[in-house]
């Protein structure tokens, strides 16, 4: 088209016109269980789910977020003041579970609440 740049879909307009969302799909039925829409431009953030039914990721505003894996409800969020370098990771130390997020040159570690023994 006259006056259009040659960038097209593969160019920078991809992030200007994309929509970012997270969908939970039931693997047995293929039906969408919930969708979490995020405002802003699209992003490529890692996702971590835990046996405690938590989902950790980042939103398109670079907030670290924890969601209820069953409903998609946001349970917690925090702006770490930088860009996420990779997806969240988890580890256990002395019986306590931690989630870590690398952000710019800093690694944030958060301990998860201890689960009851019953």
PDB file of N, CA and C in Angstrom:
ATOM      1  N   UNK A   1       0.840  -1.174   0.000  1.00  0.00           N
ATOM      2  CA  UNK A   1       0.000   0.000   0.000  1.00  0.00           C
ATOM      3  C   UNK A   1       0.887   1.240   0.000  1.00  0.00           C
ATOM      4  N   UNK A   2       0.520   2.253  -0.736  1.00  0.00           N
ATOM      5  CA  UNK A   2       1.304   3.481  -0.737  1.00  0.00           C
ATOM      6  C   UNK A   2       1.333   4.118   0.651  1.00  0.00           C
ATOM      7  N   UNK A   3       2.503   4.594   1.041  1.00  0.00           N
ATOM      8  CA  UNK A   3       2.645   5.281   2.315  1.00  0.00           C
ATOM      9  C   UNK A   3       2.836   4.356   3.511  1.00  0.00           C
ATOM     10  N   UNK A   4       2.718   3.057   3.313  1.00  0.00           N
ATOM     11  CA  UNK A   4       2.908   2.110   4.414  1.00  0.00           C
ATOM     12  C   UNK A   4       4.376   1.705   4.468  1.00  0.00           C
ATOM     13  N   UNK A   5       4.854   1.437   5.673  1.00  0.00           N
ATOM     14  CA  UNK A   5       6.226   0.945   5.793  1.00  0.00           C
ATOM     15  C   UNK A   5       6.243  -0.543   5.495  1.00  0.00           C
ATOM     16  N   UNK A   6       7.427  -1.084   5.313  1.00  0.00           N
ATOM     17  CA  UNK A   6       7.571  -2.504   4.995  1.00  0.00           C
ATOM     18  C   UNK A   6       7.635  -3.366   6.248  1.00  0.00           C
ATOM     19  N   UNK A   7       7.371  -2.783   7.417  1.00  0.00           N
ATOM     20  CA  UNK A   7       7.511  -3.546   8.660  1.00  0.00           C
ATOM     21  C   UNK A   7       6.471  -4.652   8.776  1.00  0.00           C
ATOM     22  N   UNK A   8       5.231  -4.333   8.516  1.00  0.00           N
ATOM     23  CA  UNK A   8       4.177  -5.337   8.568  1.00  0.00           C
ATOM     24  C   UNK A   8       4.032  -5.987   9.928  1.00  0.00           C
ATOM     25  N   UNK A   9       3.423  -7.183   9.959  1.00  0.00           N
ATOM     26  CA  UNK A   9       3.159  -7.888  11.206  1.00  0.00           C
ATOM     27  C   UNK A   9       4.444  -8.244  11.940  1.00  0.00           C
ATOM     28  N   UNK A  10       5.502  -8.474  11.259  1.00  0.00           N
ATOM     29  CA  UNK A  10       6.760  -8.859  11.905  1.00  0.00           C
ATOM     30  C   UNK A  10       7.510  -7.652  12.461  1.00  0.00           C
ATOM     31  N   UNK A  11       7.017  -6.472  12.234  1.00  0.00           N
ATOM     32  CA  UNK A  11       7.698  -5.268  12.707  1.00  0.00           C
ATOM     33  C   UNK A  11       7.224  -4.821  14.069  1.00  0.00           C
ATOM     34  N   UNK A  12       7.537  -3.603  14.411  1.00  0.00           N
ATOM     35  CA  UNK A  12       7.233  -3.106  15.752  1.00  0.00           C
ATOM     36  C   UNK A  12       5.747  -2.907  16.012  1.00  0.00           C
ATOM     37  N   UNK A  13       4.914  -2.884  14.970  1.00  0.00           N
ATOM     38  CA  UNK A  13       3.486  -2.708  15.187  1.00  0.00           C
ATOM     39  C   UNK A  13       2.851  -3.908  15.879  1.00  0.00           C
ATOM     40  N   UNK A  14       3.545  -5.049  15.957  1.00  0.00           N
ATOM     41  CA  UNK A  14       3.011  -6.219  16.641  1.00  0.00           C
ATOM     42  C   UNK A  14       2.682  -5.887  18.089  1.00  0.00           C
ATOM     43  N   UNK A  15       3.610  -5.252  18.804  1.00  0.00           N
ATOM     44  CA  UNK A  15       3.369  -4.936  20.204  1.00  0.00           C
ATOM     45  C   UNK A  15       2.402  -3.773  20.381  1.00  0.00           C
ATOM     46  N   UNK A  16       2.225  -2.955  19.379  1.00  0.00           N
ATOM     47  CA  UNK A  16       1.287  -1.852  19.484  1.00  0.00           C
ATOM     48  C   UNK A  16      -0.154  -2.317  19.345  1.00  0.00           C
ATOM     49  N   UNK A  17      -0.357  -3.423  18.642  1.00  0.00           N
ATOM     50  CA  UNK A  17      -1.722  -3.861  18.390  1.00  0.00           C
ATOM     51  C   UNK A  17      -2.061  -5.191  19.054  1.00  0.00           C
ATOM     52  N   UNK A  18      -1.163  -5.777  19.813  1.00  0.00           N
ATOM     53  CA  UNK A  18      -1.448  -7.073  20.410  1.00  0.00           C
ATOM     54  C   UNK A  18      -2.187  -6.923  21.734  1.00  0.00           C
ATOM     55  N   UNK A  19      -2.820  -7.988  22.162  1.00  0.00           N
ATOM     56  CA  UNK A  19      -3.524  -8.030  23.431  1.00  0.00           C
ATOM     57  C   UNK A  19      -2.934  -9.180  24.236  1.00  0.00           C
ATOM     58  N   UNK A  20      -2.644  -8.917  25.487  1.00  0.00           N
ATOM     59  CA  UNK A  20      -2.034  -9.933  26.330  1.00  0.00           C
ATOM     60  C   UNK A  20      -3.087 -10.538  27.246  1.00  0.00           C
ATOM     61  N   UNK A  21      -3.118 -11.862  27.322  1.00  0.00           N
ATOM     62  CA  UNK A  21      -4.047 -12.528  28.222  1.00  0.00           C
ATOM     63  C   UNK A  21      -3.488 -13.892  28.586  1.00  0.00           C
ATOM     64  N   UNK A  22      -4.004 -14.420  29.673  1.00  0.00           N
ATOM     65  CA  UNK A  22      -3.640 -15.745  30.134  1.00  0.00           C
ATOM     66  C   UNK A  22      -4.911 -16.561  30.196  1.00  0.00           C
ATOM     67  N   UNK A  23      -4.916 -17.738  29.556  1.00  0.00           N
ATOM     68  CA  UNK A  23      -6.105 -18.585  29.545  1.00  0.00           C
ATOM     69  C   UNK A  23      -5.782 -19.916  30.213  1.00  0.00           C
ATOM     70  N   UNK A  24      -6.674 -20.356  31.090  1.00  0.00           N
ATOM     71  CA  UNK A  24      -6.573 -21.683  31.689  1.00  0.00           C
ATOM     72  C   UNK A  24      -7.520 -22.597  30.925  1.00  0.00           C
ATOM     73  N   UNK A  25      -6.970 -23.646  30.336  1.00  0.00           N
ATOM     74  CA  UNK A  25      -7.757 -24.560  29.511  1.00  0.00           C
ATOM     75  C   UNK A  25      -7.780 -25.934  30.169  1.00  0.00           C
ATOM     76  N   UNK A  26      -8.973 -26.491  30.334  1.00  0.00           N
ATOM     77  CA  UNK A  26      -9.124 -27.836  30.892  1.00  0.00           C
ATOM     78  C   UNK A  26      -8.561 -28.824  29.877  1.00  0.00           C
ATOM     79  N   UNK A  27      -7.528 -29.540  30.271  1.00  0.00           N
ATOM     80  CA  UNK A  27      -6.867 -30.434  29.317  1.00  0.00           C
ATOM     81  C   UNK A  27      -7.751 -31.610  28.898  1.00  0.00           C
ATOM     82  N   UNK A  28      -8.766 -31.956  29.705  1.00  0.00           N
ATOM     83  CA  UNK A  28      -9.642 -33.074  29.363  1.00  0.00           C
ATOM     84  C   UNK A  28     -10.743 -32.687  28.384  1.00  0.00           C
ATOM     85  N   UNK A  29     -11.244 -31.465  28.500  1.00  0.00           N
ATOM     86  CA  UNK A  29     -12.368 -31.057  27.654  1.00  0.00           C
ATOM     87  C   UNK A  29     -11.979 -30.039  26.589  1.00  0.00           C
ATOM     88  N   UNK A  30     -10.857 -29.344  26.797  1.00  0.00           N
ATOM     89  CA  UNK A  30     -10.456 -28.288  25.871  1.00  0.00           C
ATOM     90  C   UNK A  30     -11.192 -26.981  26.100  1.00  0.00           C
ATOM     91  N   UNK A  31     -12.049 -26.924  27.117  1.00  0.00           N
ATOM     92  CA  UNK A  31     -12.810 -25.709  27.403  1.00  0.00           C
ATOM     93  C   UNK A  31     -11.987 -24.738  28.241  1.00  0.00           C
ATOM     94  N   UNK A  32     -12.201 -23.456  27.976  1.00  0.00           N
ATOM     95  CA  UNK A  32     -11.528 -22.409  28.739  1.00  0.00           C
ATOM     96  C   UNK A  32     -12.185 -22.320  30.112  1.00  0.00           C
ATOM     97  N   UNK A  33     -11.379 -22.482  31.171  1.00  0.00           N
ATOM     98  CA  UNK A  33     -11.917 -22.402  32.549  1.00  0.00           C
ATOM     99  C   UNK A  33     -11.946 -20.972  33.040  1.00  0.00           C
ATOM    100  N   UNK A  34     -10.922 -20.182  32.682  1.00  0.00           N
ATOM    101  CA  UNK A  34     -10.901 -18.761  33.026  1.00  0.00           C
ATOM    102  C   UNK A  34      -9.897 -18.057  32.137  1.00  0.00           C
ATOM    103  N   UNK A  35     -10.077 -16.754  32.040  1.00  0.00           N
ATOM    104  CA  UNK A  35      -9.176 -15.900  31.270  1.00  0.00           C
ATOM    105  C   UNK A  35      -8.820 -14.695  32.125  1.00  0.00           C
ATOM    106  N   UNK A  36      -7.547 -14.392  32.197  1.00  0.00           N
ATOM    107  CA  UNK A  36      -7.086 -13.189  32.900  1.00  0.00           C
ATOM    108  C   UNK A  36      -6.571 -12.221  31.844  1.00  0.00           C
ATOM    109  N   UNK A  37      -7.317 -11.164  31.593  1.00  0.00           N
ATOM    110  CA  UNK A  37      -6.890 -10.144  30.643  1.00  0.00           C
ATOM    111  C   UNK A  37      -5.941  -9.186  31.342  1.00  0.00           C
ATOM    112  N   UNK A  38      -4.929  -8.746  30.634  1.00  0.00           N
ATOM    113  CA  UNK A  38      -4.026  -7.745  31.188  1.00  0.00           C
ATOM    114  C   UNK A  38      -4.027  -6.547  30.264  1.00  0.00           C
ATOM    115  N   UNK A  39      -3.920  -5.397  30.849  1.00  0.00           N
ATOM    116  CA  UNK A  39      -3.881  -4.166  30.068  1.00  0.00           C
ATOM    117  C   UNK A  39      -2.469  -3.960  29.550  1.00  0.00           C
ATOM    118  N   UNK A  40      -2.347  -3.142  28.547  1.00  0.00           N
ATOM    119  CA  UNK A  40      -1.033  -2.806  28.019  1.00  0.00           C
ATOM    120  C   UNK A  40      -0.635  -3.702  26.876  1.00  0.00           C
ATOM    121  N   UNK A  41       0.609  -3.543  26.470  1.00  0.00           N
ATOM    122  CA  UNK A  41       1.093  -4.312  25.332  1.00  0.00           C
ATOM    123  C   UNK A  41       1.409  -5.741  25.736  1.00  0.00           C
ATOM    124  N   UNK A  42       1.492  -6.612  24.764  1.00  0.00           N
ATOM    125  CA  UNK A  42       1.751  -8.021  25.020  1.00  0.00           C
ATOM    126  C   UNK A  42       3.127  -8.247  25.599  1.00  0.00           C
ATOM    127  N   UNK A  43       3.291  -9.362  26.221  1.00  0.00           N
ATOM    128  CA  UNK A  43       4.571  -9.703  26.800  1.00  0.00           C
ATOM    129  C   UNK A  43       4.792 -11.198  26.762  1.00  0.00           C
ATOM    130  N   UNK A  44       6.000 -11.601  27.049  1.00  0.00           N
ATOM    131  CA  UNK A  44       6.340 -13.013  27.078  1.00  0.00           C
ATOM    132  C   UNK A  44       6.925 -13.324  28.449  1.00  0.00           C
ATOM    133  N   UNK A  45       6.072 -13.644  29.407  1.00  0.00           N
ATOM    134  CA  UNK A  45       6.514 -13.914  30.760  1.00  0.00           C
ATOM    135  C   UNK A  45       6.344 -15.389  31.062  1.00  0.00           C
ATOM    136  N   UNK A  46       7.255 -15.939  31.839  1.00  0.00           N
ATOM    137  CA  UNK A  46       7.144 -17.324  32.252  1.00  0.00           C
ATOM    138  C   UNK A  46       6.028 -17.507  33.261  1.00  0.00           C
ATOM    139  N   UNK A  47       5.576 -18.748  33.401  1.00  0.00           N
ATOM    140  CA  UNK A  47       4.505 -19.087  34.323  1.00  0.00           C
ATOM    141  C   UNK A  47       4.980 -20.244  35.188  1.00  0.00           C
ATOM    142  N   UNK A  48       4.656 -20.179  36.469  1.00  0.00           N
ATOM    143  CA  UNK A  48       4.980 -21.244  37.407  1.00  0.00           C
ATOM    144  C   UNK A  48       3.715 -21.574  38.192  1.00  0.00           C
ATOM    145  N   UNK A  49       3.335 -22.851  38.254  1.00  0.00           N
ATOM    146  CA  UNK A  49       2.226 -23.266  39.109  1.00  0.00           C
ATOM    147  C   UNK A  49       2.780 -24.174  40.194  1.00  0.00           C
ATOM    148  N   UNK A  50       2.120 -24.141  41.347  1.00  0.00           N
ATOM    149  CA  UNK A  50       2.578 -24.936  42.481  1.00  0.00           C
ATOM    150  C   UNK A  50       1.524 -25.974  42.856  1.00  0.00           C
ATOM    151  N   UNK A  51       1.935 -26.962  43.652  1.00  0.00           N
ATOM    152  CA  UNK A  51       0.999 -27.975  44.148  1.00  0.00           C
ATOM    153  C   UNK A  51      -0.040 -27.344  45.067  1.00  0.00           C
ATOM    154  N   UNK A  52       0.258 -26.160  45.599  1.00  0.00           N
ATOM    155  CA  UNK A  52      -0.689 -25.435  46.451  1.00  0.00           C
ATOM    156  C   UNK A  52      -1.693 -24.615  45.667  1.00  0.00           C
ATOM    157  N   UNK A  53      -1.791 -24.833  44.360  1.00  0.00           N
ATOM    158  CA  UNK A  53      -2.780 -24.189  43.482  1.00  0.00           C
ATOM    159  C   UNK A  53      -2.537 -22.691  43.319  1.00  0.00           C
ATOM    160  N   UNK A  54      -1.275 -22.296  43.304  1.00  0.00           N
ATOM    161  CA  UNK A  54      -0.908 -20.909  43.016  1.00  0.00           C
ATOM    162  C   UNK A  54      -0.265 -20.851  41.649  1.00  0.00           C
ATOM    163  N   UNK A  55      -0.477 -19.750  40.952  1.00  0.00           N
ATOM    164  CA  UNK A  55       0.144 -19.511  39.651  1.00  0.00           C
ATOM    165  C   UNK A  55       0.903 -18.191  39.756  1.00  0.00           C
ATOM    166  N   UNK A  56       2.183 -18.214  39.447  1.00  0.00           N
ATOM    167  CA  UNK A  56       3.020 -17.022  39.493  1.00  0.00           C
ATOM    168  C   UNK A  56       3.434 -16.645  38.079  1.00  0.00           C
ATOM    169  N   UNK A  57       3.378 -15.358  37.780  1.00  0.00           N
ATOM    170  CA  UNK A  57       3.786 -14.833  36.491  1.00  0.00           C
ATOM    171  C   UNK A  57       3.990 -13.327  36.649  1.00  0.00           C
ATOM    172  N   UNK A  58       4.007 -12.617  35.540  1.00  0.00           N
ATOM    173  CA  UNK A  58       4.063 -11.154  35.554  1.00  0.00           C
ATOM    174  C   UNK A  58       2.980 -10.649  34.618  1.00  0.00           C
ATOM    175  N   UNK A  59       2.496  -9.450  34.880  1.00  0.00           N
ATOM    176  CA  UNK A  59       1.513  -8.870  33.968  1.00  0.00           C
ATOM    177  C   UNK A  59       2.230  -7.945  32.985  1.00  0.00           C
ATOM    178  N   UNK A  60       1.479  -7.358  32.078  1.00  0.00           N
ATOM    179  CA  UNK A  60       2.093  -6.533  31.036  1.00  0.00           C
ATOM    180  C   UNK A  60       2.607  -5.198  31.557  1.00  0.00           C
ATOM    181  N   UNK A  61       2.334  -4.885  32.829  1.00  0.00           N
ATOM    182  CA  UNK A  61       2.896  -3.678  33.441  1.00  0.00           C
ATOM    183  C   UNK A  61       4.134  -4.000  34.273  1.00  0.00           C
ATOM    184  N   UNK A  62       4.660  -5.219  34.130  1.00  0.00           N
ATOM    185  CA  UNK A  62       5.865  -5.707  34.814  1.00  0.00           C
ATOM    186  C   UNK A  62       5.669  -5.876  36.320  1.00  0.00           C
ATOM    187  N   UNK A  63       4.413  -6.084  36.751  1.00  0.00           N
ATOM    188  CA  UNK A  63       4.151  -6.450  38.142  1.00  0.00           C
ATOM    189  C   UNK A  63       4.333  -7.951  38.290  1.00  0.00           C
ATOM    190  N   UNK A  64       4.916  -8.378  39.388  1.00  0.00           N
ATOM    191  CA  UNK A  64       4.924  -9.786  39.737  1.00  0.00           C
ATOM    192  C   UNK A  64       3.541 -10.091  40.292  1.00  0.00           C
ATOM    193  N   UNK A  65       2.935 -11.205  39.883  1.00  0.00           N
ATOM    194  CA  UNK A  65       1.587 -11.517  40.341  1.00  0.00           C
ATOM    195  C   UNK A  65       1.461 -12.978  40.757  1.00  0.00           C
ATOM    196  N   UNK A  66       0.575 -13.214  41.718  1.00  0.00           N
ATOM    197  CA  UNK A  66       0.175 -14.561  42.126  1.00  0.00           C
ATOM    198  C   UNK A  66      -1.325 -14.670  41.887  1.00  0.00           C
ATOM    199  N   UNK A  67      -1.734 -15.726  41.203  1.00  0.00           N
ATOM    200  CA  UNK A  67      -3.140 -15.960  40.902  1.00  0.00           C
ATOM    201  C   UNK A  67      -3.592 -17.272  41.532  1.00  0.00           C
ATOM    202  N   UNK A  68      -4.880 -17.370  41.833  1.00  0.00           N
ATOM    203  CA  UNK A  68      -5.475 -18.637  42.212  1.00  0.00           C
ATOM    204  C   UNK A  68      -5.556 -19.459  40.924  1.00  0.00           C
ATOM    205  N   UNK A  69      -4.889 -20.607  40.885  1.00  0.00           N
ATOM    206  CA  UNK A  69      -4.827 -21.397  39.652  1.00  0.00           C
ATOM    207  C   UNK A  69      -6.189 -21.935  39.234  1.00  0.00           C
ATOM    208  N   UNK A  70      -7.115 -22.085  40.175  1.00  0.00           N
ATOM    209  CA  UNK A  70      -8.439 -22.614  39.847  1.00  0.00           C
ATOM    210  C   UNK A  70      -9.372 -21.561  39.269  1.00  0.00           C
ATOM    211  N   UNK A  71      -9.207 -20.298  39.677  1.00  0.00           N
ATOM    212  CA  UNK A  71     -10.164 -19.261  39.277  1.00  0.00           C
ATOM    213  C   UNK A  71      -9.559 -18.123  38.458  1.00  0.00           C
ATOM    214  N   UNK A  72      -8.237 -17.944  38.537  1.00  0.00           N
ATOM    215  CA  UNK A  72      -7.589 -16.828  37.853  1.00  0.00           C
ATOM    216  C   UNK A  72      -7.626 -15.535  38.649  1.00  0.00           C
ATOM    217  N   UNK A  73      -8.187 -15.568  39.845  1.00  0.00           N
ATOM    218  CA  UNK A  73      -8.281 -14.375  40.686  1.00  0.00           C
ATOM    219  C   UNK A  73      -6.878 -13.953  41.149  1.00  0.00           C
ATOM    220  N   UNK A  74      -6.587 -12.659  41.038  1.00  0.00           N
ATOM    221  CA  UNK A  74      -5.304 -12.138  41.514  1.00  0.00           C
ATOM    222  C   UNK A  74      -5.308 -12.126  43.040  1.00  0.00           C
ATOM    223  N   UNK A  75      -4.304 -12.769  43.623  1.00  0.00           N
ATOM    224  CA  UNK A  75      -4.174 -12.847  45.072  1.00  0.00           C
ATOM    225  C   UNK A  75      -3.137 -11.874  45.613  1.00  0.00           C
ATOM    226  N   UNK A  76      -2.166 -11.511  44.783  1.00  0.00           N
ATOM    227  CA  UNK A  76      -1.050 -10.673  45.233  1.00  0.00           C
ATOM    228  C   UNK A  76      -0.370 -10.087  44.004  1.00  0.00           C
ATOM    229  N   UNK A  77       0.159  -8.885  44.135  1.00  0.00           N
ATOM    230  CA  UNK A  77       0.976  -8.309  43.073  1.00  0.00           C
ATOM    231  C   UNK A  77       1.974  -7.327  43.677  1.00  0.00           C
ATOM    232  N   UNK A  78       3.066  -7.093  42.934  1.00  0.00           N
ATOM    233  CA  UNK A  78       4.113  -6.190  43.393  1.00  0.00           C
ATOM    234  C   UNK A  78       4.878  -5.673  42.178  1.00  0.00           C
ATOM    235  N   UNK A  79       5.170  -4.391  42.165  1.00  0.00           N
ATOM    236  CA  UNK A  79       6.019  -3.837  41.113  1.00  0.00           C
ATOM    237  C   UNK A  79       7.457  -3.834  41.628  1.00  0.00           C
ATOM    238  N   UNK A  80       8.353  -4.604  41.005  1.00  0.00           N
ATOM    239  CA  UNK A  80       9.717  -4.708  41.512  1.00  0.00           C
ATOM    240  C   UNK A  80      10.658  -3.600  41.043  1.00  0.00           C
ATOM    241  N   UNK A  81      10.196  -2.716  40.172  1.00  0.00           N
ATOM    242  CA  UNK A  81      11.030  -1.600  39.737  1.00  0.00           C
ATOM    243  C   UNK A  81      11.990  -1.917  38.613  1.00  0.00           C
ATOM    244  N   UNK A  82      11.720  -2.943  37.833  1.00  0.00           N
ATOM    245  CA  UNK A  82      12.609  -3.281  36.732  1.00  0.00           C
ATOM    246  C   UNK A  82      11.978  -4.284  35.791  1.00  0.00           C
ATOM    247  N   UNK A  83      12.785  -4.755  34.852  1.00  0.00           N
ATOM    248  CA  UNK A  83      12.312  -5.706  33.850  1.00  0.00           C
ATOM    249  C   UNK A  83      12.609  -7.129  34.287  1.00  0.00           C
ATOM    250  N   UNK A  84      11.637  -7.993  34.064  1.00  0.00           N
ATOM    251  CA  UNK A  84      11.833  -9.402  34.404  1.00  0.00           C
ATOM    252  C   UNK A  84      12.751 -10.049  33.399  1.00  0.00           C
ATOM    253  N   UNK A  85      13.752 -10.755  33.889  1.00  0.00           N
ATOM    254  CA  UNK A  85      14.706 -11.397  32.998  1.00  0.00           C
ATOM    255  C   UNK A  85      14.281 -12.778  32.558  1.00  0.00           C
ATOM    256  N   UNK A  86      13.468 -13.444  33.357  1.00  0.00           N
ATOM    257  CA  UNK A  86      13.032 -14.806  33.052  1.00  0.00           C
ATOM    258  C   UNK A  86      11.789 -15.116  33.879  1.00  0.00           C
ATOM    259  N   UNK A  87      11.280 -16.303  33.744  1.00  0.00           N
ATOM    260  CA  UNK A  87      10.111 -16.695  34.518  1.00  0.00           C
ATOM    261  C   UNK A  87      10.464 -16.997  35.965  1.00  0.00           C
ATOM    262  N   UNK A  88       9.456 -17.118  36.817  1.00  0.00           N
ATOM    263  CA  UNK A  88       9.687 -17.423  38.224  1.00  0.00           C
ATOM    264  C   UNK A  88      10.200 -18.849  38.405  1.00  0.00           C
ATOM    265  N   UNK A  89      10.895 -19.067  39.511  1.00  0.00           N
ATOM    266  CA  UNK A  89      11.430 -20.385  39.881  1.00  0.00           C
ATOM    267  C   UNK A  89      11.018 -20.675  41.308  1.00  0.00           C
ATOM    268  N   UNK A  90      11.050 -21.940  41.687  1.00  0.00           N
ATOM    269  CA  UNK A  90      10.733 -22.291  43.064  1.00  0.00           C
ATOM    270  C   UNK A  90      11.751 -23.288  43.594  1.00  0.00           C
ATOM    271  N   UNK A  91      11.929 -23.273  44.903  1.00  0.00           N
ATOM    272  CA  UNK A  91      12.780 -24.248  45.570  1.00  0.00           C
ATOM    273  C   UNK A  91      12.298 -24.413  47.006  1.00  0.00           C
ATOM    274  N   UNK A  92      12.751 -25.481  47.656  1.00  0.00           N
ATOM    275  CA  UNK A  92      12.414 -25.719  49.052  1.00  0.00           C
ATOM    276  C   UNK A  92      13.699 -25.764  49.857  1.00  0.00           C
ATOM    277  N   UNK A  93      13.680 -25.129  51.022  1.00  0.00           N
ATOM    278  CA  UNK A  93      14.827 -25.098  51.914  1.00  0.00           C
ATOM    279  C   UNK A  93      14.327 -25.256  53.344  1.00  0.00           C
ATOM    280  N   UNK A  94      14.838 -26.240  54.036  1.00  0.00           N
ATOM    281  CA  UNK A  94      14.446 -26.510  55.423  1.00  0.00           C
ATOM    282  C   UNK A  94      12.931 -26.617  55.585  1.00  0.00           C
ATOM    283  N   UNK A  95      12.279 -27.275  54.623  1.00  0.00           N
ATOM    284  CA  UNK A  95      10.843 -27.505  54.708  1.00  0.00           C
ATOM    285  C   UNK A  95       9.967 -26.323  54.315  1.00  0.00           C
ATOM    286  N   UNK A  96      10.562 -25.252  53.846  1.00  0.00           N
ATOM    287  CA  UNK A  96       9.804 -24.054  53.457  1.00  0.00           C
ATOM    288  C   UNK A  96       9.947 -23.838  51.956  1.00  0.00           C
ATOM    289  N   UNK A  97       8.850 -23.537  51.255  1.00  0.00           N
ATOM    290  CA  UNK A  97       8.888 -23.300  49.810  1.00  0.00           C
ATOM    291  C   UNK A  97       9.075 -21.821  49.530  1.00  0.00           C
ATOM    292  N   UNK A  98       9.942 -21.523  48.555  1.00  0.00           N
ATOM    293  CA  UNK A  98      10.232 -20.159  48.133  1.00  0.00           C
ATOM    294  C   UNK A  98       9.971 -20.024  46.641  1.00  0.00           C
ATOM    295  N   UNK A  99       9.585 -18.819  46.226  1.00  0.00           N
ATOM    296  CA  UNK A  99       9.448 -18.475  44.811  1.00  0.00           C
ATOM    297  C   UNK A  99      10.399 -17.316  44.565  1.00  0.00           C
ATOM    298  N   UNK A 100      11.181 -17.416  43.489  1.00  0.00           N
ATOM    299  CA  UNK A 100      12.119 -16.339  43.174  1.00  0.00           C
ATOM    300  C   UNK A 100      11.836 -15.776  41.786  1.00  0.00           C
ATOM    301  N   UNK A 101      12.040 -14.465  41.679  1.00  0.00           N
ATOM    302  CA  UNK A 101      11.880 -13.733  40.419  1.00  0.00           C
ATOM    303  C   UNK A 101      13.157 -12.951  40.158  1.00  0.00           C
ATOM    304  N   UNK A 102      13.888 -13.235  39.078  1.00  0.00           N
ATOM    305  CA  UNK A 102      15.026 -12.380  38.703  1.00  0.00           C
ATOM    306  C   UNK A 102      14.514 -11.113  38.018  1.00  0.00           C
ATOM    307  N   UNK A 103      14.941  -9.954  38.493  1.00  0.00           N
ATOM    308  CA  UNK A 103      14.513  -8.658  37.950  1.00  0.00           C
ATOM    309  C   UNK A 103      15.739  -7.772  37.810  1.00  0.00           C
ATOM    310  N   UNK A 104      16.084  -7.436  36.558  1.00  0.00           N
ATOM    311  CA  UNK A 104      17.298  -6.642  36.288  1.00  0.00           C
ATOM    312  C   UNK A 104      18.489  -7.267  37.013  1.00  0.00           C
ATOM    313  N   UNK A 105      19.225  -6.864  37.801  1.00  0.00           N
ATOM    314  CA  UNK A 105      20.331  -7.590  38.448  1.00  0.00           C
ATOM    315  C   UNK A 105      19.998  -8.075  39.827  1.00  0.00           C
ATOM    316  N   UNK A 106      18.711  -8.104  40.198  1.00  0.00           N
ATOM    317  CA  UNK A 106      18.292  -8.446  41.549  1.00  0.00           C
ATOM    318  C   UNK A 106      17.444  -9.714  41.504  1.00  0.00           C
ATOM    319  N   UNK A 107      17.597 -10.577  42.510  1.00  0.00           N
ATOM    320  CA  UNK A 107      16.751 -11.758  42.621  1.00  0.00           C
ATOM    321  C   UNK A 107      15.888 -11.592  43.870  1.00  0.00           C
ATOM    322  N   UNK A 108      14.571 -11.533  43.670  1.00  0.00           N
ATOM    323  CA  UNK A 108      13.619 -11.430  44.781  1.00  0.00           C
ATOM    324  C   UNK A 108      13.204 -12.841  45.184  1.00  0.00           C
ATOM    325  N   UNK A 109      13.250 -13.139  46.471  1.00  0.00           N
ATOM    326  CA  UNK A 109      12.804 -14.438  46.982  1.00  0.00           C
ATOM    327  C   UNK A 109      11.668 -14.195  47.970  1.00  0.00           C
ATOM    328  N   UNK A 110      10.582 -14.926  47.784  1.00  0.00           N
ATOM    329  CA  UNK A 110       9.418 -14.820  48.657  1.00  0.00           C
ATOM    330  C   UNK A 110       9.126 -16.202  49.228  1.00  0.00           C
ATOM    331  N   UNK A 111       8.878 -16.282  50.527  1.00  0.00           N
ATOM    332  CA  UNK A 111       8.502 -17.566  51.112  1.00  0.00           C
ATOM    333  C   UNK A 111       6.983 -17.696  51.052  1.00  0.00           C
ATOM    334  N   UNK A 112       6.539 -18.896  50.775  1.00  0.00           N
ATOM    335  CA  UNK A 112       5.105 -19.158  50.725  1.00  0.00           C
ATOM    336  C   UNK A 112       4.622 -19.525  52.124  1.00  0.00           C
ATOM    337  N   UNK A 113       3.353 -19.273  52.415  1.00  0.00           N
ATOM    338  CA  UNK A 113       2.828 -19.652  53.723  1.00  0.00           C
ATOM    339  C   UNK A 113       2.992 -21.155  53.943  1.00  0.00           C
ATOM    340  N   UNK A 114       3.275 -21.532  55.166  1.00  0.00           N
ATOM    341  CA  UNK A 114       3.408 -22.950  55.473  1.00  0.00           C
ATOM    342  C   UNK A 114       2.027 -23.597  55.439  1.00  0.00           C
ATOM    343  N   UNK A 115       1.978 -24.782  54.856  1.00  0.00           N
ATOM    344  CA  UNK A 115       0.708 -25.493  54.777  1.00  0.00           C
ATOM    345  C   UNK A 115       0.505 -26.290  56.047  1.00  0.00           C
ATOM    346  N   UNK A 116      -0.740 -26.413  56.459  1.00  0.00           N
ATOM    347  CA  UNK A 116      -1.030 -27.196  57.668  1.00  0.00           C
ATOM    348  C   UNK A 116      -0.754 -28.671  57.415  1.00  0.00           C
ATOM    349  N   UNK A 117      -0.450 -29.401  58.460  1.00  0.00           N
ATOM    350  CA  UNK A 117      -0.015 -30.794  58.339  1.00  0.00           C
ATOM    351  C   UNK A 117      -1.168 -31.794  58.260  1.00  0.00           C
ATOM    352  N   UNK A 118      -2.418 -31.363  58.157  1.00  0.00           N
ATOM    353  CA  UNK A 118      -3.507 -32.347  58.106  1.00  0.00           C
ATOM    354  C   UNK A 118      -3.940 -32.653  56.719  1.00  0.00           C
TER     355      UNK A 118
END
